[in-house]
Amino acid sequence: MPADQPQWILDARRAVGDRIRVRRLHQNMTQESLAHATGLDRSTVQRMEAAPK
């Protein structure tokens, strides 16, 4: 991802990743089980949750 992203984009990505993580944990799901349920690769879920800080 380009390092010159506007701050609002980084903030939005972080917020989405946080919401995914909170919801996943609330449902007692692992990244692996979420990936399986959504048809995504686990590394994709991991990247979404680990948005730049």
Protein backbone atom coordinates (compact mmCIF):
# COMPACT_ATOMS: atom_id res chain seq x y z
CA MET A 1 0.00 0.00 0.00
CA PRO A 2 1.34 3.46 -0.83
CA ALA A 3 2.75 5.33 2.14
CA ASP A 4 1.28 8.62 0.91
CA GLN A 5 -2.30 7.71 1.77
CA PRO A 6 -4.33 10.55 3.33
CA GLN A 7 -4.82 10.23 7.07
CA TRP A 8 -8.59 9.84 6.71
CA ILE A 9 -8.09 6.70 4.62
CA LEU A 10 -5.75 5.19 7.20
CA ASP A 11 -8.23 6.08 9.97
CA ALA A 12 -11.10 4.49 8.05
CA ARG A 13 -9.12 1.29 7.40
CA ARG A 14 -8.19 1.10 11.08
CA ALA A 15 -11.83 1.56 12.12
CA VAL A 16 -13.03 -1.19 9.77
CA GLY A 17 -10.32 -3.56 10.98
CA ASP A 18 -11.22 -2.83 14.60
CA ARG A 19 -14.91 -3.50 13.95
CA ILE A 20 -14.12 -6.78 12.22
CA ARG A 21 -11.90 -7.91 15.13
CA VAL A 22 -14.41 -6.89 17.82
CA ARG A 23 -17.30 -8.64 16.06
CA ARG A 24 -15.21 -11.75 15.39
CA LEU A 25 -14.16 -12.01 19.02
CA HIS A 26 -17.73 -11.34 20.20
CA GLN A 27 -18.79 -14.33 18.08
CA ASN A 28 -15.95 -16.43 19.59
CA MET A 29 -14.45 -16.94 16.14
CA THR A 30 -10.83 -17.35 15.17
CA GLN A 31 -9.40 -15.63 12.14
CA GLU A 32 -9.32 -19.06 10.52
CA SER A 33 -13.03 -19.74 11.17
CA LEU A 34 -13.99 -16.26 9.94
CA ALA A 35 -11.93 -16.79 6.81
CA HIS A 36 -13.62 -20.14 6.17
CA ALA A 37 -17.10 -18.68 6.75
CA THR A 38 -16.48 -15.79 4.36
CA GLY A 39 -14.50 -17.63 1.70
CA LEU A 40 -11.42 -15.49 2.31
CA ASP A 41 -7.89 -16.54 3.07
CA ARG A 42 -6.83 -16.21 6.73
CA SER A 43 -4.03 -13.88 5.72
CA THR A 44 -6.63 -11.53 4.22
CA VAL A 45 -8.55 -11.41 7.50
CA GLN A 46 -5.27 -10.84 9.34
CA ARG A 47 -4.33 -7.94 7.05
CA MET A 48 -7.75 -6.32 7.42
CA GLU A 49 -7.57 -6.49 11.21
CA ALA A 50 -3.98 -5.24 11.27
CA ALA A 51 -4.64 -1.96 9.45
CA PRO A 52 -1.85 0.60 9.88
CA LYS A 53 -1.74 2.22 13.28
